[in-house]
Amino acid sequence: MPDPSPLSTVPPTVLVVDDEKNIRRILEMVLSGEGYRVLEAESGEKALETLSNPHEPVDVAIFDLKLPGIGGLDVLQRLRADDATRDLPVIVISGHATVHDAVAAIKLGATDFFEKPLNRERVLVSVRNSIRTARLNRTVEQMRGELEARYEMIGTSAPIQKLFQDLDKVAPTKASVLITGESGTGKELVSRAIHRLSPRRDAPFVKVNCAAIPRELIESELFGHEKGSFTGAQARKRGFFEQAHGGTLFLDEIGDMDLTAQAKVLRALQNGEVVRVGSEHVINVDVRVLAATNKDLAKAVSLGTFREDLFFRLDVFPIRVPALRERKVDIALLAEAFVSGFCKENGLRSKRIDPSVFDALSRRKWPGNVRELKNVVERAAILSSDVITIADLPEDPHDSPFDDELEEASASALNPSDGADAESTSTPLPQSSGDRLTLREYRETTERAYIIETLKALDWNISKAAIVLGVERTNLHKKVRAYGIKRGEG
């Protein structure tokens, strides 16, 4: 029976191409009896016509090599040259084929080859396996596309465009790359982009977080160990260098690596040789090393905490990843991409971001860079309805609603230490000499009350209040000081 598909209840379709009517009838009976949907063609021309019909999708085709007009091999060659049918599983059958014909068919991508008379069970097994393999290949390609989309970098700013240019230049080479930048800027994304754009793209990409591995285990993790080489080594283990053979090894936080391990990494880079812990056998490895750090390695070299020779070995092509504050023009693009991806991954309806949110996000300092931005907008997506507004943004932990200086000024204004009352020492509002307020007095009294009302509504967040009030944050700070406003007032 055909494998059930979790995505569709439509039975798999098999196209049978043979100029002998009896062969087509027998295969139709065998396949339809197992639940397959069968289409027939008596010539190569008819087969190509059927396969070009988008309304008749075919899961696998069975071709006779000897056909009137266009022969089976010619049809197969045309299928492989067409993007729409390049991956179609094709089973070739023949009653008069030579070994040369069979080899030619396999070279053109035939999934199987049978001689007539056909064996029922062999045909069914081949059809079933061909369909299963094709579905697995499509799933793998889909997952690969999703993975690449996840690691895609976004931006139109000058710094990120310069980064893209550097990646295009260095990725196709074998050069070692040292990736520097602040925490959260996307150094791992850069390393994956280099691997994906390199000739090693189909080989392993192995990431090692040097800061997360205990000093006493770093050598074993990088180079492997033999059984019994130390307490707890219950079996032989391949190290990260061996695992990355033929591909790319990404050493994240290289600045935290022990000096002893640094010496062995240098040897591996120079000679392409590693030795497992507890062994004397040299293992040759072909690995491209990418390293990343948020530390100043040149300074570490001068302090003696990082080997100078390893530094120069890694720093063949340095790449600096810009901080988010250097590319604030990209914040809107990044935020929209993060929200879209988050909604898709969690089965939520698409959400729109109010333009005022972008202004608020651009005012933040972002010491955590792109990683922090991603966390903020995903949290806002959880809290929001269909439209993400300023009210959905979490409070900026790096921008206290009232900084220490403001709190101190407000406290001293409203709680004077010399015993005078708050009214006499805080910045006073002008007092009217008559029964009615002057225009200036009324304006300032109303402005003070409205500022307090707005701050209170926004949980005393200065940044959000500044956006709502349409003033600069620093200007709002000055007014709060001038009016002697204290957090919680009102």
Protein backbone atom coordinates (compact mmCIF):
# COMPACT_ATOMS: atom_id res chain seq x y z
CA MET A 1 0.00 0.00 0.00
CA PRO A 2 1.25 3.55 -0.64
CA ASP A 3 2.57 5.42 2.37
CA PRO A 4 -0.09 7.70 3.84
CA SER A 5 0.84 11.36 3.66
CA PRO A 6 0.25 13.50 6.75
CA LEU A 7 -0.33 16.49 4.45
CA SER A 8 -2.85 15.09 1.98
CA THR A 9 -5.42 12.34 1.53
CA VAL A 10 -4.85 12.24 -2.27
CA PRO A 11 -3.21 8.91 -3.26
CA PRO A 12 0.21 9.09 -4.96
CA THR A 13 0.09 9.26 -8.76
CA VAL A 14 2.19 6.97 -10.99
CA LEU A 15 2.70 7.65 -14.71
CA VAL A 16 3.22 4.45 -16.77
CA VAL A 17 4.89 5.05 -20.16
CA ASP A 18 5.06 2.06 -22.53
CA ASP A 19 4.06 1.48 -26.12
CA GLU A 20 2.79 -2.02 -25.27
CA LYS A 21 -0.84 -1.82 -24.17
CA ASN A 22 -0.64 -5.09 -22.21
CA ILE A 23 2.28 -3.80 -20.11
CA ARG A 24 0.38 -0.60 -19.32
CA ARG A 25 -2.75 -2.60 -18.40
CA ILE A 26 -0.84 -5.00 -16.11
CA LEU A 27 0.97 -2.18 -14.30
CA GLU A 28 -2.28 -0.25 -13.98
CA MET A 29 -3.99 -3.25 -12.35
CA VAL A 30 -1.07 -3.92 -9.98
CA LEU A 31 -0.63 -0.30 -8.91
CA SER A 32 -4.32 0.67 -8.64
CA GLY A 33 -4.88 -2.50 -6.62
CA GLU A 34 -2.40 -1.10 -4.08
CA GLY A 35 -4.17 2.24 -3.91
CA TYR A 36 -2.13 4.27 -6.39
CA ARG A 37 -3.66 6.60 -8.96
CA VAL A 38 -2.35 5.60 -12.43
CA LEU A 39 -1.90 7.70 -15.57
CA GLU A 40 -0.87 6.14 -18.90
CA ALA A 41 1.11 7.29 -21.94
CA GLU A 42 1.99 5.27 -25.04
CA SER A 43 4.87 7.51 -26.20
CA GLY A 44 7.58 9.84 -24.96
CA GLU A 45 5.78 12.83 -26.49
CA LYS A 46 2.56 11.98 -24.62
CA ALA A 47 4.53 11.48 -21.41
CA LEU A 48 6.15 14.93 -21.67
CA GLU A 49 2.75 16.45 -22.35
CA THR A 50 1.27 14.79 -19.26
CA LEU A 51 4.18 15.82 -17.05
CA SER A 52 3.93 19.44 -18.20
CA ASN A 53 0.33 19.66 -16.97
CA PRO A 54 0.37 21.40 -13.56
CA HIS A 55 -3.12 20.06 -12.83
CA GLU A 56 -1.89 16.42 -13.05
CA PRO A 57 1.01 16.22 -10.57
CA VAL A 58 2.95 12.93 -10.82
CA ASP A 59 4.82 11.38 -7.89
CA VAL A 60 6.79 8.74 -9.83
CA ALA A 61 7.10 7.69 -13.50
CA ILE A 62 7.79 4.22 -14.96
CA PHE A 63 9.41 4.45 -18.42
CA ASP A 64 10.14 1.88 -21.09
CA LEU A 65 13.47 2.63 -22.77
CA LYS A 66 12.31 1.58 -26.23
CA LEU A 67 9.57 3.99 -27.26
CA PRO A 68 8.35 5.14 -30.69
CA GLY A 69 9.52 8.65 -31.51
CA ILE A 70 11.40 10.10 -28.54
CA GLY A 71 13.18 7.27 -26.74
CA GLY A 72 13.12 6.71 -22.99
CA LEU A 73 16.68 8.01 -22.43
CA ASP A 74 15.90 11.18 -24.39
CA VAL A 75 12.76 11.73 -22.34
CA LEU A 76 14.72 11.21 -19.13
CA GLN A 77 17.36 13.71 -20.25
CA ARG A 78 14.68 16.32 -20.97
CA LEU A 79 13.08 15.76 -17.57
CA ARG A 80 16.41 16.33 -15.79
CA ALA A 81 16.97 19.56 -17.74
CA ASP A 82 13.60 20.99 -16.64
CA ASP A 83 13.39 22.57 -13.17
CA ALA A 84 9.78 21.38 -12.80
CA THR A 85 10.67 17.68 -13.29
CA ARG A 86 14.34 17.60 -12.30
CA ASP A 87 13.64 15.71 -9.08
CA LEU A 88 10.86 13.43 -10.36
CA PRO A 89 11.62 9.78 -9.47
CA VAL A 90 11.85 7.72 -12.68
CA ILE A 91 11.94 3.89 -12.83
CA VAL A 92 13.24 2.54 -16.14
CA ILE A 93 12.06 -0.81 -17.64
CA SER A 94 13.10 -2.59 -20.83
CA GLY A 95 12.87 -5.93 -22.56
CA HIS A 96 15.86 -5.44 -24.82
CA ALA A 97 18.20 -3.21 -22.84
CA THR A 98 21.96 -3.52 -22.72
CA VAL A 99 24.24 -2.87 -19.77
CA HIS A 100 25.21 0.36 -21.48
CA ASP A 101 21.55 1.46 -21.53
CA ALA A 102 21.14 0.66 -17.84
CA VAL A 103 24.27 2.62 -16.90
CA ALA A 104 23.19 5.57 -19.05
CA ALA A 105 19.76 5.61 -17.37
CA ILE A 106 21.26 5.58 -13.87
CA LYS A 107 23.69 8.36 -14.79
CA LEU A 108 20.72 10.45 -15.93
CA GLY A 109 19.13 10.02 -12.52
CA ALA A 110 16.88 6.98 -12.88
CA THR A 111 16.03 5.66 -9.41
CA ASP A 112 15.78 2.01 -10.51
CA PHE A 113 16.06 -0.29 -13.54
CA PHE A 114 14.09 -3.49 -14.31
CA GLU A 115 14.14 -5.95 -17.14
CA LYS A 116 10.93 -7.47 -18.54
CA PRO A 117 9.09 -9.60 -17.56
CA LEU A 118 8.48 -7.51 -14.46
CA ASN A 119 8.33 -8.85 -10.93
CA ARG A 120 5.23 -7.51 -9.18
CA GLU A 121 6.75 -7.21 -5.69
CA ARG A 122 9.97 -5.61 -6.91
CA VAL A 123 8.01 -2.99 -8.83
CA LEU A 124 5.80 -2.16 -5.84
CA VAL A 125 8.79 -1.91 -3.48
CA SER A 126 10.65 0.35 -5.93
CA VAL A 127 7.63 2.63 -6.41
CA ARG A 128 7.06 2.88 -2.65
CA ASN A 129 10.73 3.63 -1.91
CA SER A 130 10.98 6.18 -4.72
CA ILE A 131 8.00 8.14 -3.41
CA ARG A 132 9.24 7.97 0.18
CA THR A 133 12.73 9.17 -0.79
CA ALA A 134 11.35 12.03 -2.87
CA ARG A 135 9.17 13.19 0.03
CA LEU A 136 12.10 13.03 2.45
CA ASN A 137 14.24 15.05 0.06
CA ARG A 138 11.53 17.71 -0.23
CA THR A 139 11.24 17.85 3.56
CA VAL A 140 15.00 18.23 3.95
CA GLU A 141 15.09 21.04 1.38
CA GLN A 142 12.20 22.77 3.10
CA MET A 143 13.91 22.50 6.48
CA ARG A 144 17.17 23.73 5.00
CA GLY A 145 15.37 26.73 3.52
CA GLU A 146 13.72 27.50 6.87
CA LEU A 147 17.06 27.16 8.65
CA GLU A 148 18.77 29.49 6.20
CA ALA A 149 15.92 31.98 6.53
CA ARG A 150 16.33 31.87 10.30
CA TYR A 151 20.00 32.76 9.98
CA GLU A 152 19.49 35.38 7.31
CA MET A 153 20.84 38.81 8.19
CA ILE A 154 18.72 41.86 7.45
CA GLY A 155 19.61 45.49 6.93
CA THR A 156 20.02 48.36 4.49
CA SER A 157 22.32 50.59 6.56
CA ALA A 158 25.83 51.42 5.38
CA PRO A 159 27.56 49.37 8.12
CA ILE A 160 25.57 46.20 7.38
CA GLN A 161 26.04 46.63 3.62
CA LYS A 162 29.79 46.87 4.20
CA LEU A 163 29.55 43.66 6.21
CA PHE A 164 27.73 41.92 3.34
CA GLN A 165 30.47 42.99 0.93
CA ASP A 166 33.15 41.56 3.22
CA LEU A 167 31.24 38.26 3.48
CA ASP A 168 30.98 37.97 -0.30
CA LYS A 169 34.74 38.45 -0.61
CA VAL A 170 35.96 36.10 2.13
CA ALA A 171 33.37 33.31 2.09
CA PRO A 172 34.58 31.53 -1.10
CA THR A 173 38.18 31.43 0.19
CA LYS A 174 39.89 29.14 2.71
CA ALA A 175 41.02 32.04 4.90
CA SER A 176 40.53 32.02 8.66
CA VAL A 177 38.21 34.77 9.85
CA LEU A 178 38.18 36.58 13.20
CA ILE A 179 34.71 37.99 13.88
CA THR A 180 34.55 40.72 16.51
CA GLY A 181 31.66 42.69 17.93
CA GLU A 182 29.62 43.32 21.04
CA SER A 183 27.46 40.66 22.62
CA GLY A 184 24.20 40.17 20.74
CA THR A 185 25.30 41.71 17.43
CA GLY A 186 25.01 38.44 15.50
CA LYS A 187 28.53 37.06 15.26
CA GLU A 188 27.19 33.51 14.95
CA LEU A 189 24.95 34.59 12.07
CA VAL A 190 28.02 35.94 10.30
CA SER A 191 29.88 32.65 10.79
CA ARG A 192 26.95 30.64 9.42
CA ALA A 193 26.66 32.99 6.45
CA ILE A 194 30.34 32.49 5.65
CA HIS A 195 29.87 28.71 5.79
CA ARG A 196 26.69 28.82 3.70
CA LEU A 197 28.37 30.92 1.00
CA SER A 198 31.54 28.80 0.93
CA PRO A 199 32.42 25.66 -1.09
CA ARG A 200 32.05 23.77 2.23
CA ARG A 201 28.33 24.53 2.51
CA ASP A 202 27.31 20.85 2.26
CA ALA A 203 29.88 19.72 4.87
CA PRO A 204 29.43 20.01 8.66
CA PHE A 205 29.23 23.33 10.49
CA VAL A 206 30.33 22.74 14.09
CA LYS A 207 29.91 25.45 16.72
CA VAL A 208 31.98 25.44 19.92
CA ASN A 209 31.30 27.86 22.77
CA CYS A 210 34.75 28.10 24.34
CA ALA A 211 33.41 30.04 27.33
CA ALA A 212 30.91 27.29 28.22
CA ILE A 213 33.44 24.42 28.37
CA PRO A 214 35.35 23.91 31.65
CA ARG A 215 39.07 24.51 31.32
CA GLU A 216 39.93 20.93 32.22
CA LEU A 217 37.65 19.58 29.43
CA ILE A 218 38.40 21.98 26.57
CA GLU A 219 41.20 19.83 25.14
CA SER A 220 39.07 16.69 25.21
CA GLU A 221 36.13 18.48 23.59
CA LEU A 222 38.23 19.99 20.80
CA PHE A 223 40.49 17.04 19.99
CA GLY A 224 38.65 14.02 21.43
CA HIS A 225 39.91 11.32 23.78
CA GLU A 226 40.56 7.61 23.99
CA LYS A 227 38.70 5.24 26.26
CA GLY A 228 40.21 5.25 29.76
CA SER A 229 42.45 8.27 29.08
CA PHE A 230 41.07 9.96 32.23
CA THR A 231 38.43 9.37 34.88
CA GLY A 232 35.03 9.33 33.21
CA ALA A 233 36.35 8.55 29.71
CA GLN A 234 34.26 5.41 29.28
CA ALA A 235 34.47 5.36 25.48
CA ARG A 236 36.43 6.86 22.62
CA LYS A 237 35.18 10.28 21.60
CA ARG A 238 35.72 12.27 18.42
CA GLY A 239 36.56 15.89 19.08
CA PHE A 240 35.04 18.93 17.42
CA PHE A 241 37.93 19.18 14.94
CA GLU A 242 37.23 15.63 13.72
CA GLN A 243 33.49 16.27 13.60
CA ALA A 244 34.06 19.33 11.42
CA HIS A 245 36.36 17.50 8.98
CA GLY A 246 35.76 18.86 5.48
CA GLY A 247 33.61 21.67 6.85
CA THR A 248 33.75 24.68 9.16
CA LEU A 249 34.61 24.90 12.86
CA PHE A 250 33.27 27.99 14.62
CA LEU A 251 35.13 28.82 17.84
CA ASP A 252 32.85 31.25 19.67
CA GLU A 253 34.28 33.31 22.54
CA ILE A 254 37.82 32.31 21.55
CA GLY A 255 39.18 34.91 23.99
CA ASP A 256 38.16 32.67 26.92
CA MET A 257 40.25 29.70 25.77
CA ASP A 258 43.00 28.38 28.03
CA LEU A 259 46.59 29.06 26.92
CA THR A 260 47.40 25.33 26.78
CA ALA A 261 44.45 24.66 24.50
CA GLN A 262 45.44 27.69 22.40
CA ALA A 263 48.83 26.06 21.65
CA LYS A 264 47.13 22.89 20.39
CA VAL A 265 44.61 24.81 18.32
CA LEU A 266 47.53 26.62 16.72
CA ARG A 267 49.15 23.29 15.84
CA ALA A 268 45.92 22.04 14.31
CA LEU A 269 45.64 25.18 12.20
CA GLN A 270 49.26 25.06 11.07
CA ASN A 271 49.57 21.34 10.29
CA GLY A 272 45.99 20.13 10.00
CA GLU A 273 46.79 17.54 12.70
CA VAL A 274 45.09 16.67 15.99
CA VAL A 275 45.86 14.08 18.66
CA ARG A 276 43.19 12.70 20.94
CA VAL A 277 43.81 12.85 24.69
CA GLY A 278 45.43 9.58 25.73
CA SER A 279 46.65 8.76 22.23
CA GLU A 280 49.83 9.20 20.23
CA HIS A 281 48.14 8.68 16.87
CA VAL A 282 48.05 11.79 14.68
CA ILE A 283 44.76 12.44 12.86
CA ASN A 284 44.73 14.65 9.78
CA VAL A 285 41.81 17.04 9.54
CA ASP A 286 40.68 19.50 6.89
CA VAL A 287 38.88 22.25 8.76
CA ARG A 288 38.26 25.93 8.13
CA VAL A 289 38.27 27.79 11.42
CA LEU A 290 36.15 30.85 12.12
CA ALA A 291 36.59 32.51 15.52
CA ALA A 292 34.53 35.14 17.32
CA THR A 293 34.99 37.26 20.42
CA ASN A 294 33.60 40.36 22.11
CA LYS A 295 37.00 40.99 23.72
CA ASP A 296 39.98 43.02 22.53
CA LEU A 297 42.35 40.19 21.55
CA ALA A 298 45.17 42.59 20.71
CA LYS A 299 45.02 43.86 24.28
CA ALA A 300 44.83 40.27 25.57
CA VAL A 301 48.02 39.52 23.63
CA SER A 302 49.80 42.44 25.30
CA LEU A 303 48.62 41.20 28.70
CA GLY A 304 49.87 37.69 27.97
CA THR A 305 46.44 36.02 28.20
CA PHE A 306 46.24 35.20 24.48
CA ARG A 307 48.95 33.80 22.23
CA GLU A 308 50.25 36.28 19.68
CA ASP A 309 50.96 33.58 17.07
CA LEU A 310 47.40 32.23 17.36
CA PHE A 311 46.00 35.75 17.13
CA PHE A 312 47.78 36.40 13.84
CA ARG A 313 46.76 32.96 12.57
CA LEU A 314 43.09 33.70 13.23
CA ASP A 315 43.16 37.35 12.20
CA VAL A 316 43.83 36.66 8.51
CA PHE A 317 40.56 38.38 7.58
CA PRO A 318 39.02 40.41 10.43
CA ILE A 319 35.30 41.20 10.32
CA ARG A 320 33.67 43.59 12.77
CA VAL A 321 29.92 43.24 13.30
CA PRO A 322 28.37 46.68 13.92
CA ALA A 323 26.42 47.39 17.09
CA LEU A 324 22.71 48.09 16.73
CA ARG A 325 23.19 51.73 17.76
CA GLU A 326 25.38 52.11 14.63
CA ARG A 327 22.61 50.86 12.34
CA LYS A 328 19.39 52.21 13.86
CA VAL A 329 17.93 52.60 10.38
CA ASP A 330 17.65 48.79 10.34
CA ILE A 331 15.56 48.59 13.53
CA ALA A 332 12.20 48.73 11.71
CA LEU A 333 13.19 45.95 9.28
CA LEU A 334 14.52 43.77 12.07
CA ALA A 335 11.47 44.32 14.27
CA GLU A 336 9.04 43.41 11.49
CA ALA A 337 11.04 40.31 10.61
CA PHE A 338 11.18 39.15 14.24
CA VAL A 339 7.44 39.69 14.77
CA SER A 340 6.57 37.91 11.52
CA GLY A 341 8.80 34.95 12.36
CA PHE A 342 7.49 34.76 15.93
CA CYS A 343 3.84 34.76 14.82
CA LYS A 344 4.52 32.09 12.20
CA GLU A 345 6.42 29.83 14.62
CA ASN A 346 3.71 30.09 17.26
CA GLY A 347 0.66 29.83 15.02
CA LEU A 348 -0.48 33.41 15.70
CA ARG A 349 -2.21 35.76 13.30
CA SER A 350 0.05 38.28 11.59
CA LYS A 351 0.49 41.44 13.61
CA ARG A 352 1.14 44.98 12.43
CA ILE A 353 3.52 47.33 14.21
CA ASP A 354 2.33 50.88 14.78
CA PRO A 355 4.85 53.38 13.30
CA SER A 356 5.20 55.12 16.68
CA VAL A 357 6.76 51.91 18.01
CA PHE A 358 9.68 52.29 15.61
CA ASP A 359 10.35 55.78 16.96
CA ALA A 360 10.30 54.45 20.51
CA LEU A 361 12.63 51.57 19.64
CA SER A 362 15.09 53.88 17.89
CA ARG A 363 15.40 55.98 21.06
CA ARG A 364 16.65 53.05 23.13
CA LYS A 365 20.33 52.42 23.78
CA TRP A 366 20.35 48.66 23.01
CA PRO A 367 23.41 47.46 24.93
CA GLY A 368 22.16 43.93 24.17
CA ASN A 369 22.01 44.79 20.45
CA VAL A 370 19.95 42.70 18.00
CA ARG A 371 19.40 39.91 20.52
CA GLU A 372 17.81 42.37 22.95
CA LEU A 373 15.66 43.88 20.18
CA LYS A 374 14.39 40.41 19.28
CA ASN A 375 13.41 39.71 22.90
CA VAL A 376 11.62 43.07 23.23
CA VAL A 377 9.51 42.79 20.08
CA GLU A 378 8.62 39.15 20.70
CA ARG A 379 7.41 40.04 24.19
CA ALA A 380 5.39 42.90 22.69
CA ALA A 381 3.90 40.47 20.16
CA ILE A 382 2.71 38.25 23.02
CA LEU A 383 1.09 41.16 24.89
CA SER A 384 -0.47 42.92 21.91
CA SER A 385 -3.67 42.49 19.96
CA ASP A 386 -3.59 42.74 16.16
CA VAL A 387 -1.51 45.93 16.28
CA ILE A 388 1.61 46.33 18.43
CA THR A 389 1.60 49.75 20.10
CA ILE A 390 3.92 51.62 22.45
CA ALA A 391 1.85 50.41 25.40
CA ASP A 392 2.86 46.80 24.54
CA LEU A 393 6.59 47.51 24.79
CA PRO A 394 8.28 46.38 28.01
CA GLU A 395 9.94 49.08 30.05
CA ASP A 396 13.51 49.79 29.04
CA PRO A 397 15.68 48.38 31.86
CA HIS A 398 18.55 50.62 30.73
CA ASP A 399 16.47 53.77 30.99
CA SER A 400 15.02 54.07 34.47
CA PRO A 401 11.86 56.19 34.42
CA PHE A 402 13.62 58.58 36.80
CA ASP A 403 17.40 58.33 36.91
CA ASP A 404 19.37 58.80 40.12
CA GLU A 405 20.08 62.43 39.40
CA LEU A 406 16.41 63.19 38.80
CA GLU A 407 15.31 61.25 41.88
CA GLU A 408 17.86 63.13 43.95
CA ALA A 409 16.77 66.47 42.56
CA SER A 410 13.11 65.65 43.13
CA ALA A 411 13.77 64.34 46.62
CA SER A 412 15.73 67.40 47.62
CA ALA A 413 13.07 69.63 46.09
CA LEU A 414 10.16 68.00 47.91
CA ASN A 415 11.98 66.80 51.04
CA PRO A 416 14.47 69.55 51.95
CA SER A 417 17.05 68.69 54.59
CA ASP A 418 17.06 72.15 56.16
CA GLY A 419 13.58 71.65 57.59
CA ALA A 420 11.83 74.03 55.23
CA ASP A 421 8.62 72.73 53.70
CA ALA A 422 8.56 71.28 50.22
CA GLU A 423 6.56 74.11 48.77
CA SER A 424 9.15 76.74 49.67
CA THR A 425 12.17 74.85 48.28
CA SER A 426 10.80 73.12 45.19
CA THR A 427 10.75 75.07 41.96
CA PRO A 428 7.56 77.06 42.56
CA LEU A 429 4.86 77.91 40.12
CA PRO A 430 4.38 81.65 39.69
CA GLN A 431 1.86 83.06 42.13
CA SER A 432 -0.83 85.44 40.97
CA SER A 433 -1.21 88.74 42.67
CA GLY A 434 -4.89 88.84 41.84
CA ASP A 435 -7.88 86.51 42.06
CA ARG A 436 -7.24 85.02 38.61
CA LEU A 437 -4.14 83.28 37.23
CA THR A 438 -2.10 84.98 34.59
CA LEU A 439 -1.85 83.28 31.21
CA ARG A 440 1.66 82.05 32.05
CA GLU A 441 0.54 80.73 35.44
CA TYR A 442 -2.39 78.89 33.88
CA ARG A 443 -0.21 77.40 31.13
CA GLU A 444 2.42 76.15 33.57
CA THR A 445 -0.12 74.80 36.06
CA THR A 446 -1.96 72.94 33.31
CA GLU A 447 1.26 71.67 31.75
CA ARG A 448 2.50 70.34 35.09
CA ALA A 449 -0.79 68.52 35.72
CA TYR A 450 -0.84 67.05 32.19
CA ILE A 451 2.75 65.81 32.49
CA ILE A 452 1.91 64.09 35.79
CA GLU A 453 -1.24 62.55 34.30
CA THR A 454 0.70 61.23 31.28
CA LEU A 455 3.57 59.83 33.36
CA LYS A 456 1.12 58.13 35.69
CA ALA A 457 -0.76 56.55 32.76
CA LEU A 458 2.53 55.21 31.35
CA ASP A 459 3.80 53.84 34.66
CA TRP A 460 6.21 56.78 35.03
CA ASN A 461 8.24 55.83 31.98
CA ILE A 462 9.98 58.99 30.75
CA SER A 463 10.76 57.63 27.27
CA LYS A 464 7.18 56.60 26.52
CA ALA A 465 5.80 59.84 27.98
CA ALA A 466 8.16 61.90 25.81
CA ILE A 467 6.85 60.16 22.69
CA VAL A 468 3.19 60.65 23.68
CA LEU A 469 3.79 64.30 24.60
CA GLY A 470 5.75 64.92 21.41
CA VAL A 471 8.89 66.28 23.07
CA GLU A 472 12.49 65.18 23.37
CA ARG A 473 13.27 62.96 26.35
CA THR A 474 15.88 65.41 27.64
CA ASN A 475 13.38 68.26 27.36
CA LEU A 476 10.85 66.30 29.40
CA HIS A 477 13.50 65.64 32.05
CA LYS A 478 14.09 69.41 32.32
CA LYS A 479 10.39 70.11 32.74
CA VAL A 480 10.07 67.43 35.44
CA ARG A 481 12.94 69.05 37.33
CA ALA A 482 11.58 72.55 36.79
CA TYR A 483 8.13 71.62 38.08
CA GLY A 484 9.50 69.58 40.99
CA ILE A 485 7.57 66.49 39.91
CA LYS A 486 8.30 63.36 41.94
CA ARG A 487 7.57 59.77 40.94
CA GLY A 488 4.19 58.67 42.30
CA GLU A 489 2.81 62.18 42.55
CA GLY A 490 -0.82 62.62 41.63
